[in-house]
């Protein structure tokens, strides 16, 4: 696969935009925001370098593990619910209502409840609360995106499977899942950063010895502005990287879909 001119132009535009944003941030921190608690980019970078790779990999690695496991659980649950909706249409009102409820309940509100039920993680183990919140953050997007994708299957292809004796399960396997693949990948692309955010919210409840939320709490208590900004930028970079990687996977796996590289 090679990058098209449009993709190269998009990457160039994005790089220029980031450099411009950093320049504005730097200028504002030295002028109009000099009296506020806004650090300069070099101060944030220095703090990040001084902390060391071991520090960042220890805490971000744990949060990434929680987000990845939760992302997997939430995606699988969304796929199962969407498949059941297609196989058993009579159950659709109940299943989709459950999906909507999971989306409407604020993660911040349900986090303490989950923490009470799940409890503290063992030392060195991932937080069950963070994993559960990551799964919830992904579930609705995956379920809805998959249902829409499954329903977009070509009717003629479904009729061919039906003529050769295939039922709903065979249609799902041979036609609908393939048709829904671009929608599924698009949903996961949106859900992955949400899973990372859900994991951080779960860590905020407490009981963790490692994680992004822990170092954010420490930075807040110590009024360490540079450290807090370094963590925030690290989270943005992590989420953006995952988003970009899943977008690349979508281009490779589903080259026929809109936006694929030529």
Protein backbone atom coordinates (compact mmCIF):
# COMPACT_ATOMS: atom_id res chain seq x y z
CA UNK A 1 0.00 0.00 0.00
CA UNK A 2 1.28 3.45 -0.85
CA UNK A 3 0.03 6.83 0.25
CA UNK A 4 -2.00 8.80 -2.21
CA UNK A 5 -1.39 12.48 -2.88
CA UNK A 6 -4.47 13.29 -0.84
CA UNK A 7 -3.11 11.34 2.14
CA UNK A 8 0.30 13.00 1.89
CA UNK A 9 -1.36 16.41 1.67
CA UNK A 10 -3.47 15.57 4.71
CA UNK A 11 -0.41 14.51 6.72
CA UNK A 12 1.45 17.67 5.71
CA UNK A 13 -1.50 19.83 6.69
CA UNK A 14 -1.78 18.08 10.03
CA UNK A 15 1.93 18.55 10.77
CA UNK A 16 1.75 22.25 9.91
CA UNK A 17 -1.35 22.61 12.10
CA UNK A 18 0.38 21.01 15.08
CA UNK A 19 3.46 23.22 14.68
CA UNK A 20 1.26 26.30 14.45
CA UNK A 21 -0.65 25.26 17.58
CA UNK A 22 2.58 24.77 19.53
CA UNK A 23 3.85 28.16 18.35
CA UNK A 24 0.64 29.90 19.48
CA UNK A 25 0.78 28.05 22.81
CA UNK A 26 4.40 29.11 23.35
CA UNK A 27 3.72 32.74 22.44
CA UNK A 28 0.61 32.92 24.64
CA UNK A 29 2.41 31.36 27.61
CA UNK A 30 5.12 34.04 27.39
CA UNK A 31 2.76 36.99 26.86
CA UNK A 32 -0.97 37.18 27.58
CA UNK A 33 -1.00 34.04 29.74
CA UNK A 34 2.26 34.68 31.55
CA UNK A 35 0.41 35.27 34.82
CA UNK A 36 -1.65 32.08 34.55
CA UNK A 37 -0.59 28.53 35.33
CA UNK A 38 0.20 27.74 31.70
CA UNK A 39 3.66 26.24 31.17
CA UNK A 40 5.73 26.69 28.04
CA UNK A 41 6.26 23.76 25.66
CA UNK A 42 9.96 23.53 26.58
CA UNK A 43 9.05 23.33 30.28
CA UNK A 44 6.62 20.48 29.62
CA UNK A 45 9.15 18.69 27.42
CA UNK A 46 11.89 19.05 30.04
CA UNK A 47 9.63 17.60 32.74
CA UNK A 48 8.70 14.68 30.51
CA UNK A 49 12.33 13.92 29.71
CA UNK A 50 13.43 14.18 33.34
CA UNK A 51 10.74 11.72 34.43
CA UNK A 52 12.27 9.13 32.12
CA UNK A 53 10.94 6.43 29.85
CA UNK A 54 10.59 3.95 32.72
CA UNK A 55 8.20 6.24 34.58
CA UNK A 56 5.96 6.86 31.59
CA UNK A 57 5.95 3.26 30.38
CA UNK A 58 5.07 2.04 33.88
CA UNK A 59 1.96 4.20 34.25
CA UNK A 60 0.83 4.54 30.65
CA UNK A 61 1.45 0.84 30.11
CA UNK A 62 -1.00 -0.09 32.87
CA UNK A 63 -3.70 2.27 31.61
CA UNK A 64 -3.17 1.03 28.07
CA UNK A 65 -3.55 -2.55 29.28
CA UNK A 66 -6.82 -1.72 31.03
CA UNK A 67 -8.09 0.16 27.99
CA UNK A 68 -7.10 -2.66 25.60
CA UNK A 69 -8.83 -5.38 27.61
CA UNK A 70 -11.91 -3.24 28.08
CA UNK A 71 -11.88 -2.34 24.40
CA UNK A 72 -11.81 -6.05 23.51
CA UNK A 73 -14.69 -6.91 25.87
CA UNK A 74 -16.79 -3.95 24.77
CA UNK A 75 -16.23 -4.64 21.08
CA UNK A 76 -17.09 -8.33 21.43
CA UNK A 77 -20.23 -7.48 23.40
CA UNK A 78 -21.27 -4.95 20.74
CA UNK A 79 -20.73 -7.48 17.96
CA UNK A 80 -22.75 -10.13 19.80
CA UNK A 81 -25.65 -7.77 20.47
CA UNK A 82 -25.69 -6.56 16.85
CA UNK A 83 -25.66 -10.15 15.57
CA UNK A 84 -28.53 -11.08 17.86
CA UNK A 85 -30.51 -8.11 16.60
CA UNK A 86 -30.13 -9.41 13.03
CA UNK A 87 -30.80 -13.05 13.91
CA UNK A 88 -33.71 -12.39 16.27
CA UNK A 89 -35.48 -9.18 15.21
CA UNK A 90 -38.10 -9.65 17.92
CA UNK A 91 -35.40 -9.03 20.53
CA UNK A 92 -34.21 -5.79 18.94
CA UNK A 93 -36.23 -3.37 21.15
CA UNK A 94 -34.83 -4.90 24.33
CA UNK A 95 -31.24 -5.26 23.13
CA UNK A 96 -31.01 -1.78 21.66
CA UNK A 97 -32.64 -0.31 24.76
CA UNK A 98 -29.89 -1.90 26.85
CA UNK A 99 -27.29 -0.42 24.50
CA UNK A 100 -28.85 3.05 24.76
CA UNK A 101 -29.00 2.81 28.56
CA UNK A 102 -25.31 1.91 28.69
CA UNK A 103 -24.58 5.03 26.67
CA UNK A 104 -26.83 7.36 28.66
CA UNK A 105 -25.46 6.44 32.08
CA UNK A 106 -22.51 8.81 32.82
CA UNK A 107 -19.29 6.91 33.37
CA UNK A 108 -18.40 9.21 36.25
CA UNK A 109 -21.65 8.29 38.02
CA UNK A 110 -21.38 4.54 37.55
CA UNK A 111 -17.67 4.32 38.39
CA UNK A 112 -18.13 4.32 42.21
CA UNK A 113 -20.81 1.64 41.92
CA UNK A 114 -18.55 -0.58 39.84
CA UNK A 115 -15.68 0.01 42.27
CA UNK A 116 -17.81 -1.16 45.19
CA UNK A 117 -18.83 -4.29 43.27
CA UNK A 118 -15.42 -5.13 41.78
CA UNK A 119 -13.16 -3.90 44.56
CA UNK A 120 -9.48 -3.01 44.65
CA UNK A 121 -7.13 -4.71 42.21
CA UNK A 122 -4.32 -6.90 43.47
CA UNK A 123 -0.91 -5.27 43.61
CA UNK A 124 0.52 -4.95 40.12
CA UNK A 125 -2.74 -6.07 38.47
CA UNK A 126 -4.98 -3.99 36.26
CA UNK A 127 -8.03 -2.30 37.75
CA UNK A 128 -11.29 -4.14 37.12
CA UNK A 129 -13.21 -0.87 37.45
CA UNK A 130 -11.07 0.80 34.79
CA UNK A 131 -11.46 -2.20 32.49
CA UNK A 132 -15.25 -2.23 32.94
CA UNK A 133 -15.55 1.49 32.21
CA UNK A 134 -13.39 1.10 29.12
CA UNK A 135 -15.72 -1.67 27.91
CA UNK A 136 -18.80 0.48 28.54
CA UNK A 137 -17.25 3.37 26.63
CA UNK A 138 -16.90 1.15 23.55
CA UNK A 139 -20.04 -1.00 23.69
CA UNK A 140 -22.69 1.40 22.36
CA UNK A 141 -20.63 2.73 19.46
CA UNK A 142 -19.70 -0.76 18.32
CA UNK A 143 -23.23 -2.14 18.66
CA UNK A 144 -24.90 0.68 16.72
CA UNK A 145 -22.20 0.86 14.05
CA UNK A 146 -22.34 -2.89 13.51
CA UNK A 147 -26.13 -2.97 13.26
CA UNK A 148 -26.08 -0.22 10.63
CA UNK A 149 -23.34 -2.03 8.74
CA UNK A 150 -25.12 -5.38 8.83
CA UNK A 151 -28.29 -3.80 7.49
CA UNK A 152 -26.42 -2.24 4.59
CA UNK A 153 -25.75 -5.66 3.04
CA UNK A 154 -26.64 -6.05 -0.64
CA UNK A 155 -30.12 -7.57 -1.00
CA UNK A 156 -29.20 -9.46 -4.15
CA UNK A 157 -26.31 -11.19 -2.35
CA UNK A 158 -28.62 -12.12 0.51
CA UNK A 159 -31.11 -13.57 -1.98
CA UNK A 160 -28.36 -15.68 -3.58
CA UNK A 161 -27.49 -17.21 -0.21
CA UNK A 162 -31.17 -17.80 0.49
CA UNK A 163 -31.69 -19.52 -2.89
CA UNK A 164 -28.90 -21.97 -2.11
CA UNK A 165 -30.54 -22.91 1.17
CA UNK A 166 -28.74 -20.56 3.52
CA UNK A 167 -30.61 -19.20 6.53
CA UNK A 168 -30.04 -16.10 8.61
CA UNK A 169 -26.83 -17.43 10.16
CA UNK A 170 -25.34 -18.23 6.74
CA UNK A 171 -26.35 -14.81 5.42
CA UNK A 172 -24.72 -13.22 8.43
CA UNK A 173 -21.48 -15.16 7.89
CA UNK A 174 -21.20 -14.90 4.11
CA UNK A 175 -22.64 -11.48 3.32
CA UNK A 176 -23.60 -9.22 6.21
CA UNK A 177 -20.40 -9.39 8.27
CA UNK A 178 -18.29 -8.59 5.20
CA UNK A 179 -20.61 -5.73 4.30
CA UNK A 180 -20.47 -4.41 7.86
CA UNK A 181 -16.68 -4.57 8.15
CA UNK A 182 -16.05 -0.90 7.21
CA UNK A 183 -18.69 0.22 9.72
CA UNK A 184 -17.25 -2.04 12.42
CA UNK A 185 -13.74 -0.71 11.88
CA UNK A 186 -15.03 2.88 11.88
CA UNK A 187 -16.80 2.21 15.18
CA UNK A 188 -13.67 0.73 16.74
CA UNK A 189 -11.68 3.71 15.50
CA UNK A 190 -13.98 5.98 17.48
CA UNK A 191 -14.25 3.60 20.42
CA UNK A 192 -10.53 3.08 21.05
CA UNK A 193 -9.82 6.63 22.34
CA UNK A 194 -13.06 6.42 24.35
CA UNK A 195 -11.81 3.20 25.96
CA UNK A 196 -8.60 4.95 27.00
CA UNK A 197 -10.62 7.76 28.58
CA UNK A 198 -12.87 5.24 30.32
CA UNK A 199 -9.84 3.47 31.80
CA UNK A 200 -8.50 6.77 33.18
CA UNK A 201 -11.88 7.56 34.77
CA UNK A 202 -11.92 4.10 36.34
CA UNK A 203 -8.48 4.68 37.84
CA UNK A 204 -9.64 7.96 39.35
CA UNK A 205 -12.03 6.08 41.63
CA UNK A 206 -9.06 4.71 43.51
CA UNK A 207 -7.35 1.50 44.44
CA UNK A 208 -4.61 1.63 41.78
CA UNK A 209 -0.86 1.59 42.33
CA UNK A 210 -0.04 2.47 38.73
CA UNK A 211 -1.81 4.37 35.99
CA UNK A 212 -2.31 7.71 34.29
CA UNK A 213 -4.92 8.86 36.80
CA UNK A 214 -2.54 8.23 39.68
CA UNK A 215 0.17 10.53 38.33
CA UNK A 216 -2.48 13.12 37.46
CA UNK A 217 -3.67 13.04 41.08
CA UNK A 218 -0.11 13.43 42.35
CA UNK A 219 0.53 16.32 39.95
CA UNK A 220 -2.67 17.99 41.13
CA UNK A 221 -1.79 17.60 44.79
CA UNK A 222 1.72 18.96 44.22
CA UNK A 223 0.46 21.73 41.92
CA UNK A 224 2.94 20.42 39.35
CA UNK A 225 1.61 22.17 36.25
CA UNK A 226 4.29 20.90 33.89
CA UNK A 227 3.71 17.31 34.95
CA UNK A 228 -0.05 17.60 34.53
CA UNK A 229 0.37 19.09 31.05
CA UNK A 230 2.88 16.38 30.12
CA UNK A 231 0.39 13.69 31.12
CA UNK A 232 -2.41 15.40 29.20
CA UNK A 233 -0.32 15.69 26.05
CA UNK A 234 0.78 12.08 26.47
CA UNK A 235 -2.85 10.97 26.64
CA UNK A 236 -3.64 12.97 23.49
CA UNK A 237 -0.69 11.42 21.66
CA UNK A 238 -1.69 7.93 22.77
CA UNK A 239 -5.32 8.34 21.71
CA UNK A 240 -4.33 9.98 18.43
CA UNK A 241 -1.85 7.22 17.62
CA UNK A 242 -4.41 4.49 18.24
CA UNK A 243 -6.96 6.36 16.14
CA UNK A 244 -4.48 6.70 13.26
CA UNK A 245 -3.38 3.06 13.45
CA UNK A 246 -6.95 1.78 13.34
CA UNK A 247 -7.62 4.10 10.40
CA UNK A 248 -4.64 2.56 8.60
CA UNK A 249 -5.93 -0.94 9.42
CA UNK A 250 -9.28 0.04 7.93
CA UNK A 251 -7.60 1.15 4.71
CA UNK A 252 -5.72 -2.14 4.44
CA UNK A 253 -8.55 -4.50 5.42
CA UNK A 254 -11.34 -2.74 3.54
CA UNK A 255 -9.74 -1.02 0.52
CA UNK A 256 -13.12 -0.89 -1.21
CA UNK A 257 -14.59 1.42 1.43
CA UNK A 258 -14.68 5.19 1.13
CA UNK A 259 -11.43 6.90 1.88
CA UNK A 260 -9.20 3.93 1.09
CA UNK A 261 -5.82 4.63 -0.34
CA UNK A 262 -5.35 3.90 -3.97
